[in-house]
């Protein structure tokens, strides 16, 4: 049996890949599977504004995962046995709607791949904005060196002065709660700190889509990167006591390719702590 035909991975589906008709159309066969659950998250419906996605899928409403850190909150789905070739086919199928593949640990203890909508993959959402993981190809700080999260404001703006006083206040509370949560729950940040970095610069690069010179007002979206700074960091770009070093636009993917995202467990603990801090310290209802 060719290696590409051997079952080599597990895929957790909470949506259409559970349907036999979709499996036959996508893989040419019905997959073997069993029920399982993903803890610490909930199944939500999102409205996609991307016209290419709507054209490719025929609809704007799509199912997605929202992590909330609550152990009692679970998403039920099917754990599917797949081959390397079928993972590639699943990538194409889910990629039409701009879903990205992430690794998770299920309630059964099995490790599996799951697809989430990349542009809005949120760990935590509230009136202050959205806490999310960075793109897995643009992780600036490896989880072992302190970790990397992004906090978006309540609405897309090119400059923070565009936000109202109430929006600024709530966003600031969410940013502070997220940084404090990282410090409280991540052992690698013992004795360390968090750097807060406002970004949105690479979207303005001449080689960024759409190519050519761009104005900040039309193309920049303000967001804050939270970089965990560990005293034990081994990455020379994040040496303790030194200012961080960032790559140029063209080097960004090669520079970030070896860095790991925070784990599902770490994210769940951070989210639970964020909710506690917003409620108990800042008086903000999550």
C-alpha atoms as a PDB file:
ATOM      1  CA  UNK A   1       0.000   0.000   0.000  1.00  0.00           C
ATOM      2  CA  UNK A   2       1.499   3.390  -0.972  1.00  0.00           C
ATOM      3  CA  UNK A   3       2.350   5.615   2.010  1.00  0.00           C
ATOM      4  CA  UNK A   4      -0.128   8.224   0.764  1.00  0.00           C
ATOM      5  CA  UNK A   5      -2.960   5.641   1.096  1.00  0.00           C
ATOM      6  CA  UNK A   6      -2.247   4.756   4.727  1.00  0.00           C
ATOM      7  CA  UNK A   7      -4.215   6.374   7.545  1.00  0.00           C
ATOM      8  CA  UNK A   8      -1.714   8.803   9.015  1.00  0.00           C
ATOM      9  CA  UNK A   9      -3.746  11.504  10.731  1.00  0.00           C
ATOM     10  CA  UNK A  10      -6.925  12.310  12.622  1.00  0.00           C
ATOM     11  CA  UNK A  11      -9.299  15.060  11.558  1.00  0.00           C
ATOM     12  CA  UNK A  12     -11.990  16.412  13.887  1.00  0.00           C
ATOM     13  CA  UNK A  13     -15.015  17.734  12.000  1.00  0.00           C
ATOM     14  CA  UNK A  14     -17.820  19.737  13.570  1.00  0.00           C
ATOM     15  CA  UNK A  15     -19.342  20.707  10.232  1.00  0.00           C
ATOM     16  CA  UNK A  16     -19.959  19.507   6.691  1.00  0.00           C
ATOM     17  CA  UNK A  17     -17.069  17.009   6.484  1.00  0.00           C
ATOM     18  CA  UNK A  18     -19.173  14.758   8.710  1.00  0.00           C
ATOM     19  CA  UNK A  19     -21.641  14.294   5.829  1.00  0.00           C
ATOM     20  CA  UNK A  20     -21.193  11.179   3.674  1.00  0.00           C
ATOM     21  CA  UNK A  21     -22.139  13.137   0.546  1.00  0.00           C
ATOM     22  CA  UNK A  22     -19.381  15.687   1.215  1.00  0.00           C
ATOM     23  CA  UNK A  23     -16.870  12.927   2.019  1.00  0.00           C
ATOM     24  CA  UNK A  24     -17.609  11.122  -1.253  1.00  0.00           C
ATOM     25  CA  UNK A  25     -17.294  14.355  -3.236  1.00  0.00           C
ATOM     26  CA  UNK A  26     -14.102  15.422  -1.473  1.00  0.00           C
ATOM     27  CA  UNK A  27     -12.259  12.128  -0.856  1.00  0.00           C
ATOM     28  CA  UNK A  28     -13.982   9.642  -3.149  1.00  0.00           C
ATOM     29  CA  UNK A  29     -14.985   7.426  -0.231  1.00  0.00           C
ATOM     30  CA  UNK A  30     -16.808   7.407   3.108  1.00  0.00           C
ATOM     31  CA  UNK A  31     -14.370   7.887   5.994  1.00  0.00           C
ATOM     32  CA  UNK A  32     -14.191   5.823   9.158  1.00  0.00           C
ATOM     33  CA  UNK A  33     -14.981   7.930  12.203  1.00  0.00           C
ATOM     34  CA  UNK A  34     -16.203   8.064  15.763  1.00  0.00           C
ATOM     35  CA  UNK A  35     -17.808  10.678  17.964  1.00  0.00           C
ATOM     36  CA  UNK A  36     -15.571  12.892  20.089  1.00  0.00           C
ATOM     37  CA  UNK A  37     -15.645  16.309  21.727  1.00  0.00           C
ATOM     38  CA  UNK A  38     -13.472  19.415  21.890  1.00  0.00           C
ATOM     39  CA  UNK A  39     -13.548  21.019  25.337  1.00  0.00           C
ATOM     40  CA  UNK A  40     -13.164  24.693  26.181  1.00  0.00           C
ATOM     41  CA  UNK A  41     -14.943  26.044  23.129  1.00  0.00           C
ATOM     42  CA  UNK A  42     -18.322  26.489  21.480  1.00  0.00           C
ATOM     43  CA  UNK A  43     -19.693  26.171  17.970  1.00  0.00           C
ATOM     44  CA  UNK A  44     -20.764  29.536  16.579  1.00  0.00           C
ATOM     45  CA  UNK A  45     -22.071  30.829  13.278  1.00  0.00           C
ATOM     46  CA  UNK A  46     -20.142  33.643  11.634  1.00  0.00           C
ATOM     47  CA  UNK A  47     -21.032  35.909   8.732  1.00  0.00           C
ATOM     48  CA  UNK A  48     -18.217  36.139   6.211  1.00  0.00           C
ATOM     49  CA  UNK A  49     -17.916  39.393   4.302  1.00  0.00           C
ATOM     50  CA  UNK A  50     -15.230  38.169   1.900  1.00  0.00           C
ATOM     51  CA  UNK A  51     -16.840  38.130  -1.577  1.00  0.00           C
ATOM     52  CA  UNK A  52     -14.439  35.441  -2.852  1.00  0.00           C
ATOM     53  CA  UNK A  53     -15.497  33.102  -0.036  1.00  0.00           C
ATOM     54  CA  UNK A  54     -19.194  33.737  -0.669  1.00  0.00           C
ATOM     55  CA  UNK A  55     -18.712  33.060  -4.381  1.00  0.00           C
ATOM     56  CA  UNK A  56     -16.770  29.839  -3.732  1.00  0.00           C
ATOM     57  CA  UNK A  57     -19.139  28.402  -1.124  1.00  0.00           C
ATOM     58  CA  UNK A  58     -22.481  29.900  -2.144  1.00  0.00           C
ATOM     59  CA  UNK A  59     -23.213  31.291   1.313  1.00  0.00           C
ATOM     60  CA  UNK A  60     -22.075  33.887   3.837  1.00  0.00           C
ATOM     61  CA  UNK A  61     -22.982  31.962   7.014  1.00  0.00           C
ATOM     62  CA  UNK A  62     -20.389  29.439   8.223  1.00  0.00           C
ATOM     63  CA  UNK A  63     -19.809  27.387  11.377  1.00  0.00           C
ATOM     64  CA  UNK A  64     -16.691  28.212  13.390  1.00  0.00           C
ATOM     65  CA  UNK A  65     -15.103  27.524  16.766  1.00  0.00           C
ATOM     66  CA  UNK A  66     -14.868  30.117  19.530  1.00  0.00           C
ATOM     67  CA  UNK A  67     -12.614  29.196  22.442  1.00  0.00           C
ATOM     68  CA  UNK A  68     -13.953  30.256  25.850  1.00  0.00           C
ATOM     69  CA  UNK A  69     -11.718  28.309  28.266  1.00  0.00           C
ATOM     70  CA  UNK A  70     -14.680  26.696  30.086  1.00  0.00           C
ATOM     71  CA  UNK A  71     -14.104  22.963  30.620  1.00  0.00           C
ATOM     72  CA  UNK A  72     -17.850  22.300  30.699  1.00  0.00           C
ATOM     73  CA  UNK A  73     -18.292  23.900  27.265  1.00  0.00           C
ATOM     74  CA  UNK A  74     -17.852  21.298  24.523  1.00  0.00           C
ATOM     75  CA  UNK A  75     -18.288  20.962  20.785  1.00  0.00           C
ATOM     76  CA  UNK A  76     -19.405  17.551  19.566  1.00  0.00           C
ATOM     77  CA  UNK A  77     -18.147  16.264  16.252  1.00  0.00           C
ATOM     78  CA  UNK A  78     -16.620  13.281  14.469  1.00  0.00           C
ATOM     79  CA  UNK A  79     -12.997  12.141  14.642  1.00  0.00           C
ATOM     80  CA  UNK A  80     -12.103  10.952  11.144  1.00  0.00           C
ATOM     81  CA  UNK A  81      -9.231   8.692  10.059  1.00  0.00           C
ATOM     82  CA  UNK A  82      -7.523  10.220   7.020  1.00  0.00           C
ATOM     83  CA  UNK A  83      -4.482   9.722   4.813  1.00  0.00           C
ATOM     84  CA  UNK A  84      -1.884  12.300   3.806  1.00  0.00           C
ATOM     85  CA  UNK A  85      -3.573  12.687   0.421  1.00  0.00           C
ATOM     86  CA  UNK A  86      -6.946  13.217   2.102  1.00  0.00           C
ATOM     87  CA  UNK A  87      -5.521  15.895   4.403  1.00  0.00           C
ATOM     88  CA  UNK A  88      -4.326  17.697   1.281  1.00  0.00           C
ATOM     89  CA  UNK A  89      -7.822  17.353  -0.243  1.00  0.00           C
ATOM     90  CA  UNK A  90      -9.407  18.603   2.982  1.00  0.00           C
ATOM     91  CA  UNK A  91      -7.066  21.608   2.894  1.00  0.00           C
ATOM     92  CA  UNK A  92      -8.337  22.436  -0.598  1.00  0.00           C
ATOM     93  CA  UNK A  93     -11.985  21.960   0.399  1.00  0.00           C
ATOM     94  CA  UNK A  94     -11.752  24.069   3.566  1.00  0.00           C
ATOM     95  CA  UNK A  95      -9.391  26.546   1.931  1.00  0.00           C
ATOM     96  CA  UNK A  96     -12.156  27.692  -0.426  1.00  0.00           C
ATOM     97  CA  UNK A  97     -13.756  29.351   2.593  1.00  0.00           C
ATOM     98  CA  UNK A  98     -10.371  30.443   4.019  1.00  0.00           C
ATOM     99  CA  UNK A  99     -10.441  27.946   6.886  1.00  0.00           C
ATOM    100  CA  UNK A 100      -7.080  27.021   8.374  1.00  0.00           C
ATOM    101  CA  UNK A 101      -5.933  23.744   9.940  1.00  0.00           C
ATOM    102  CA  UNK A 102      -4.988  23.784  13.641  1.00  0.00           C
ATOM    103  CA  UNK A 103      -3.938  20.992  15.990  1.00  0.00           C
ATOM    104  CA  UNK A 104      -6.020  20.318  19.103  1.00  0.00           C
ATOM    105  CA  UNK A 105      -6.362  17.712  21.841  1.00  0.00           C
ATOM    106  CA  UNK A 106      -9.834  16.203  22.125  1.00  0.00           C
ATOM    107  CA  UNK A 107     -11.744  15.019  25.193  1.00  0.00           C
ATOM    108  CA  UNK A 108     -10.680  11.451  24.388  1.00  0.00           C
ATOM    109  CA  UNK A 109      -7.020  12.453  24.627  1.00  0.00           C
ATOM    110  CA  UNK A 110      -6.525  12.071  20.871  1.00  0.00           C
ATOM    111  CA  UNK A 111      -4.572  14.729  18.996  1.00  0.00           C
ATOM    112  CA  UNK A 112      -6.289  15.843  15.813  1.00  0.00           C
ATOM    113  CA  UNK A 113      -6.474  18.514  13.146  1.00  0.00           C
ATOM    114  CA  UNK A 114      -9.440  20.882  13.103  1.00  0.00           C
ATOM    115  CA  UNK A 115     -10.371  23.641  10.668  1.00  0.00           C
ATOM    116  CA  UNK A 116     -11.221  27.142  11.876  1.00  0.00           C
ATOM    117  CA  UNK A 117     -11.960  30.318   9.942  1.00  0.00           C
ATOM    118  CA  UNK A 118      -8.535  31.947   9.801  1.00  0.00           C
ATOM    119  CA  UNK A 119      -9.421  35.657   9.498  1.00  0.00           C
ATOM    120  CA  UNK A 120     -11.593  35.575  12.636  1.00  0.00           C
ATOM    121  CA  UNK A 121     -10.095  32.747  14.705  1.00  0.00           C
ATOM    122  CA  UNK A 122     -10.909  34.257  18.087  1.00  0.00           C
ATOM    123  CA  UNK A 123      -9.872  32.930  21.473  1.00  0.00           C
ATOM    124  CA  UNK A 124     -12.034  35.451  23.302  1.00  0.00           C
ATOM    125  CA  UNK A 125     -14.555  38.065  22.192  1.00  0.00           C
ATOM    126  CA  UNK A 126     -16.218  40.791  24.240  1.00  0.00           C
ATOM    127  CA  UNK A 127     -17.278  44.451  23.957  1.00  0.00           C
ATOM    128  CA  UNK A 128     -13.610  45.445  24.287  1.00  0.00           C
ATOM    129  CA  UNK A 129     -12.515  43.588  21.178  1.00  0.00           C
ATOM    130  CA  UNK A 130     -11.074  40.224  20.194  1.00  0.00           C
ATOM    131  CA  UNK A 131      -8.144  38.195  21.532  1.00  0.00           C
ATOM    132  CA  UNK A 132      -6.705  35.872  18.908  1.00  0.00           C
ATOM    133  CA  UNK A 133      -3.694  33.791  18.037  1.00  0.00           C
ATOM    134  CA  UNK A 134      -1.418  35.085  15.280  1.00  0.00           C
ATOM    135  CA  UNK A 135      -1.307  33.374  11.923  1.00  0.00           C
ATOM    136  CA  UNK A 136       0.707  30.177  12.423  1.00  0.00           C
ATOM    137  CA  UNK A 137       3.125  31.449   9.749  1.00  0.00           C
ATOM    138  CA  UNK A 138       3.677  34.726  11.623  1.00  0.00           C
ATOM    139  CA  UNK A 139       4.337  33.692  15.209  1.00  0.00           C
ATOM    140  CA  UNK A 140       6.793  36.273  16.509  1.00  0.00           C
ATOM    141  CA  UNK A 141       7.539  34.724  19.928  1.00  0.00           C
ATOM    142  CA  UNK A 142       7.771  30.972  20.450  1.00  0.00           C
ATOM    143  CA  UNK A 143       5.499  29.724  23.248  1.00  0.00           C
ATOM    144  CA  UNK A 144       8.558  28.508  25.190  1.00  0.00           C
ATOM    145  CA  UNK A 145      10.052  32.002  25.086  1.00  0.00           C
ATOM    146  CA  UNK A 146       6.871  33.689  26.337  1.00  0.00           C
ATOM    147  CA  UNK A 147       4.174  33.363  23.684  1.00  0.00           C
ATOM    148  CA  UNK A 148       2.393  35.712  21.298  1.00  0.00           C
ATOM    149  CA  UNK A 149      -1.209  36.927  21.215  1.00  0.00           C
ATOM    150  CA  UNK A 150      -3.041  39.667  19.313  1.00  0.00           C
ATOM    151  CA  UNK A 151      -5.795  41.938  20.658  1.00  0.00           C
ATOM    152  CA  UNK A 152      -7.997  43.720  18.117  1.00  0.00           C
ATOM    153  CA  UNK A 153     -10.111  46.760  19.078  1.00  0.00           C
ATOM    154  CA  UNK A 154     -13.933  46.603  19.118  1.00  0.00           C
ATOM    155  CA  UNK A 155     -14.071  47.707  15.485  1.00  0.00           C
ATOM    156  CA  UNK A 156     -11.609  48.083  12.639  1.00  0.00           C
ATOM    157  CA  UNK A 157      -9.912  51.502  12.592  1.00  0.00           C
ATOM    158  CA  UNK A 158      -6.769  52.768  10.919  1.00  0.00           C
ATOM    159  CA  UNK A 159      -5.727  54.862  13.955  1.00  0.00           C
ATOM    160  CA  UNK A 160      -6.635  54.445  17.622  1.00  0.00           C
ATOM    161  CA  UNK A 161      -7.836  58.053  17.849  1.00  0.00           C
ATOM    162  CA  UNK A 162     -10.780  56.977  15.674  1.00  0.00           C
ATOM    163  CA  UNK A 163     -12.194  54.980  18.597  1.00  0.00           C
ATOM    164  CA  UNK A 164     -14.652  56.546  21.025  1.00  0.00           C
ATOM    165  CA  UNK A 165     -13.730  57.079  24.673  1.00  0.00           C
ATOM    166  CA  UNK A 166     -15.887  54.101  25.647  1.00  0.00           C
ATOM    167  CA  UNK A 167     -14.295  51.876  22.992  1.00  0.00           C
ATOM    168  CA  UNK A 168     -10.791  52.941  24.031  1.00  0.00           C
ATOM    169  CA  UNK A 169     -11.576  52.227  27.671  1.00  0.00           C
ATOM    170  CA  UNK A 170     -12.958  48.766  26.981  1.00  0.00           C
ATOM    171  CA  UNK A 171     -10.133  47.881  24.583  1.00  0.00           C
ATOM    172  CA  UNK A 172      -7.532  49.012  27.137  1.00  0.00           C
ATOM    173  CA  UNK A 173      -9.183  46.854  29.808  1.00  0.00           C
ATOM    174  CA  UNK A 174      -9.115  43.831  27.475  1.00  0.00           C
ATOM    175  CA  UNK A 175      -5.463  44.423  26.566  1.00  0.00           C
ATOM    176  CA  UNK A 176      -4.480  44.761  30.233  1.00  0.00           C
ATOM    177  CA  UNK A 177      -6.472  41.677  31.235  1.00  0.00           C
ATOM    178  CA  UNK A 178      -4.876  39.639  28.446  1.00  0.00           C
ATOM    179  CA  UNK A 179      -1.345  40.632  29.423  1.00  0.00           C
ATOM    180  CA  UNK A 180      -2.050  39.974  33.110  1.00  0.00           C
ATOM    181  CA  UNK A 181      -3.579  36.585  32.242  1.00  0.00           C
ATOM    182  CA  UNK A 182      -0.462  35.580  30.308  1.00  0.00           C
ATOM    183  CA  UNK A 183       1.691  36.490  33.312  1.00  0.00           C
ATOM    184  CA  UNK A 184      -0.592  34.673  35.727  1.00  0.00           C
ATOM    185  CA  UNK A 185      -0.943  31.336  33.941  1.00  0.00           C
ATOM    186  CA  UNK A 186       2.181  30.787  31.822  1.00  0.00           C
ATOM    187  CA  UNK A 187       5.055  29.233  33.839  1.00  0.00           C
ATOM    188  CA  UNK A 188       7.546  30.371  31.193  1.00  0.00           C
ATOM    189  CA  UNK A 189       6.771  33.984  32.168  1.00  0.00           C
ATOM    190  CA  UNK A 190       7.792  33.533  35.811  1.00  0.00           C
ATOM    191  CA  UNK A 191       9.838  36.639  36.594  1.00  0.00           C
ATOM    192  CA  UNK A 192       9.153  37.981  33.097  1.00  0.00           C
ATOM    193  CA  UNK A 193       6.935  40.622  31.538  1.00  0.00           C
ATOM    194  CA  UNK A 194       4.776  41.410  28.504  1.00  0.00           C
ATOM    195  CA  UNK A 195       5.629  43.849  25.706  1.00  0.00           C
ATOM    196  CA  UNK A 196       2.690  45.641  24.048  1.00  0.00           C
ATOM    197  CA  UNK A 197       3.338  46.552  20.416  1.00  0.00           C
ATOM    198  CA  UNK A 198       0.869  48.449  18.222  1.00  0.00           C
ATOM    199  CA  UNK A 199       1.044  47.209  14.651  1.00  0.00           C
ATOM    200  CA  UNK A 200      -0.508  47.370  11.209  1.00  0.00           C
ATOM    201  CA  UNK A 201       2.604  48.357   9.290  1.00  0.00           C
ATOM    202  CA  UNK A 202       3.162  45.408   6.956  1.00  0.00           C
ATOM    203  CA  UNK A 203      -0.265  45.931   5.386  1.00  0.00           C
ATOM    204  CA  UNK A 204       1.190  49.167   3.971  1.00  0.00           C
ATOM    205  CA  UNK A 205       4.220  47.587   2.313  1.00  0.00           C
ATOM    206  CA  UNK A 206       4.382  48.055  -1.450  1.00  0.00           C
ATOM    207  CA  UNK A 207       4.451  44.251  -1.934  1.00  0.00           C
ATOM    208  CA  UNK A 208       1.437  43.626   0.303  1.00  0.00           C
ATOM    209  CA  UNK A 209      -1.918  43.003  -1.385  1.00  0.00           C
ATOM    210  CA  UNK A 210      -2.991  45.101  -3.231  1.00  0.00           C
ATOM    211  CA  UNK A 211       0.496  45.728  -4.586  1.00  0.00           C
ATOM    212  CA  UNK A 212       1.703  49.305  -4.815  1.00  0.00           C
ATOM    213  CA  UNK A 213       1.867  52.373  -2.612  1.00  0.00           C
ATOM    214  CA  UNK A 214      -0.946  52.514  -0.039  1.00  0.00           C
ATOM    215  CA  UNK A 215      -2.303  55.095   2.359  1.00  0.00           C
ATOM    216  CA  UNK A 216      -2.618  54.247   6.062  1.00  0.00           C
ATOM    217  CA  UNK A 217      -6.181  55.531   6.260  1.00  0.00           C
ATOM    218  CA  UNK A 218      -7.342  53.103   3.558  1.00  0.00           C
ATOM    219  CA  UNK A 219      -5.292  50.001   4.345  1.00  0.00           C
ATOM    220  CA  UNK A 220      -4.105  49.953   7.963  1.00  0.00           C
ATOM    221  CA  UNK A 221      -5.994  48.120  10.730  1.00  0.00           C
ATOM    222  CA  UNK A 222      -4.763  48.901  14.227  1.00  0.00           C
ATOM    223  CA  UNK A 223      -4.111  45.935  16.533  1.00  0.00           C
ATOM    224  CA  UNK A 224      -1.876  45.200  19.488  1.00  0.00           C
ATOM    225  CA  UNK A 225       0.641  42.373  19.642  1.00  0.00           C
ATOM    226  CA  UNK A 226       1.309  41.015  23.133  1.00  0.00           C
ATOM    227  CA  UNK A 227       4.768  39.479  23.364  1.00  0.00           C
ATOM    228  CA  UNK A 228       5.606  37.386  26.413  1.00  0.00           C
ATOM    229  CA  UNK A 229       9.185  38.095  27.531  1.00  0.00           C
ATOM    230  CA  UNK A 230      10.776  35.208  29.412  1.00  0.00           C
ATOM    231  CA  UNK A 231      14.059  35.623  31.327  1.00  0.00           C
ATOM    232  CA  UNK A 232      14.955  32.163  30.008  1.00  0.00           C
ATOM    233  CA  UNK A 233      14.293  32.958  26.326  1.00  0.00           C
ATOM    234  CA  UNK A 234      16.736  31.220  23.987  1.00  0.00           C
ATOM    235  CA  UNK A 235      15.757  32.970  20.747  1.00  0.00           C
ATOM    236  CA  UNK A 236      18.401  35.653  20.054  1.00  0.00           C
ATOM    237  CA  UNK A 237      15.675  37.975  18.747  1.00  0.00           C
ATOM    238  CA  UNK A 238      14.056  37.898  22.215  1.00  0.00           C
ATOM    239  CA  UNK A 239      17.121  37.936  24.448  1.00  0.00           C
ATOM    240  CA  UNK A 240      16.172  38.988  27.976  1.00  0.00           C
ATOM    241  CA  UNK A 241      17.089  42.591  28.737  1.00  0.00           C
ATOM    242  CA  UNK A 242      17.359  43.551  25.069  1.00  0.00           C
ATOM    243  CA  UNK A 243      14.908  45.215  22.697  1.00  0.00           C
ATOM    244  CA  UNK A 244      13.258  42.677  20.355  1.00  0.00           C
ATOM    245  CA  UNK A 245      14.464  42.358  16.797  1.00  0.00           C
ATOM    246  CA  UNK A 246      11.947  42.160  13.944  1.00  0.00           C
ATOM    247  CA  UNK A 247      12.497  41.073  10.326  1.00  0.00           C
ATOM    248  CA  UNK A 248      11.823  43.039   7.195  1.00  0.00           C
ATOM    249  CA  UNK A 249       8.603  42.344   5.278  1.00  0.00           C
ATOM    250  CA  UNK A 250      10.167  39.942   2.762  1.00  0.00           C
ATOM    251  CA  UNK A 251      11.850  37.892   5.482  1.00  0.00           C
ATOM    252  CA  UNK A 252       8.880  37.594   7.836  1.00  0.00           C
ATOM    253  CA  UNK A 253       7.750  34.048   7.003  1.00  0.00           C
ATOM    254  CA  UNK A 254      11.224  32.508   7.007  1.00  0.00           C
ATOM    255  CA  UNK A 255      11.992  34.334  10.280  1.00  0.00           C
ATOM    256  CA  UNK A 256       8.848  32.994  11.995  1.00  0.00           C
ATOM    257  CA  UNK A 257       8.654  29.456  10.599  1.00  0.00           C
ATOM    258  CA  UNK A 258      10.283  27.654  13.551  1.00  0.00           C
ATOM    259  CA  UNK A 259       8.235  29.373  16.260  1.00  0.00           C
ATOM    260  CA  UNK A 260       5.330  27.573  17.966  1.00  0.00           C
ATOM    261  CA  UNK A 261       1.886  28.911  18.885  1.00  0.00           C
ATOM    262  CA  UNK A 262       0.632  28.783  22.451  1.00  0.00           C
ATOM    263  CA  UNK A 263      -1.034  25.408  23.038  1.00  0.00           C
ATOM    264  CA  UNK A 264      -4.745  24.733  23.304  1.00  0.00           C
ATOM    265  CA  UNK A 265      -4.366  24.184  27.064  1.00  0.00           C
ATOM    266  CA  UNK A 266      -2.403  27.410  27.544  1.00  0.00           C
ATOM    267  CA  UNK A 267      -4.972  29.378  25.536  1.00  0.00           C
ATOM    268  CA  UNK A 268      -7.831  27.894  27.548  1.00  0.00           C
ATOM    269  CA  UNK A 269      -6.217  28.936  30.837  1.00  0.00           C
ATOM    270  CA  UNK A 270      -5.506  32.432  29.521  1.00  0.00           C
ATOM    271  CA  UNK A 271      -9.093  32.889  28.311  1.00  0.00           C
ATOM    272  CA  UNK A 272     -10.561  31.779  31.658  1.00  0.00           C
ATOM    273  CA  UNK A 273      -8.271  34.200  33.492  1.00  0.00           C
ATOM    274  CA  UNK A 274      -9.160  37.075  31.120  1.00  0.00           C
ATOM    275  CA  UNK A 275     -12.845  36.596  31.901  1.00  0.00           C
ATOM    276  CA  UNK A 276     -12.168  36.616  35.659  1.00  0.00           C
ATOM    277  CA  UNK A 277     -10.050  39.775  35.457  1.00  0.00           C
ATOM    278  CA  UNK A 278     -12.524  41.687  33.313  1.00  0.00           C
ATOM    279  CA  UNK A 279     -15.333  40.892  35.730  1.00  0.00           C
ATOM    280  CA  UNK A 280     -13.531  41.159  39.084  1.00  0.00           C
ATOM    281  CA  UNK A 281     -10.836  43.806  38.507  1.00  0.00           C
ATOM    282  CA  UNK A 282     -12.187  46.018  35.726  1.00  0.00           C
ATOM    283  CA  UNK A 283     -15.927  45.637  36.250  1.00  0.00           C
ATOM    284  CA  UNK A 284     -16.461  44.771  32.600  1.00  0.00           C
ATOM    285  CA  UNK A 285     -18.891  42.025  31.685  1.00  0.00           C
ATOM    286  CA  UNK A 286     -17.284  39.549  29.267  1.00  0.00           C
END
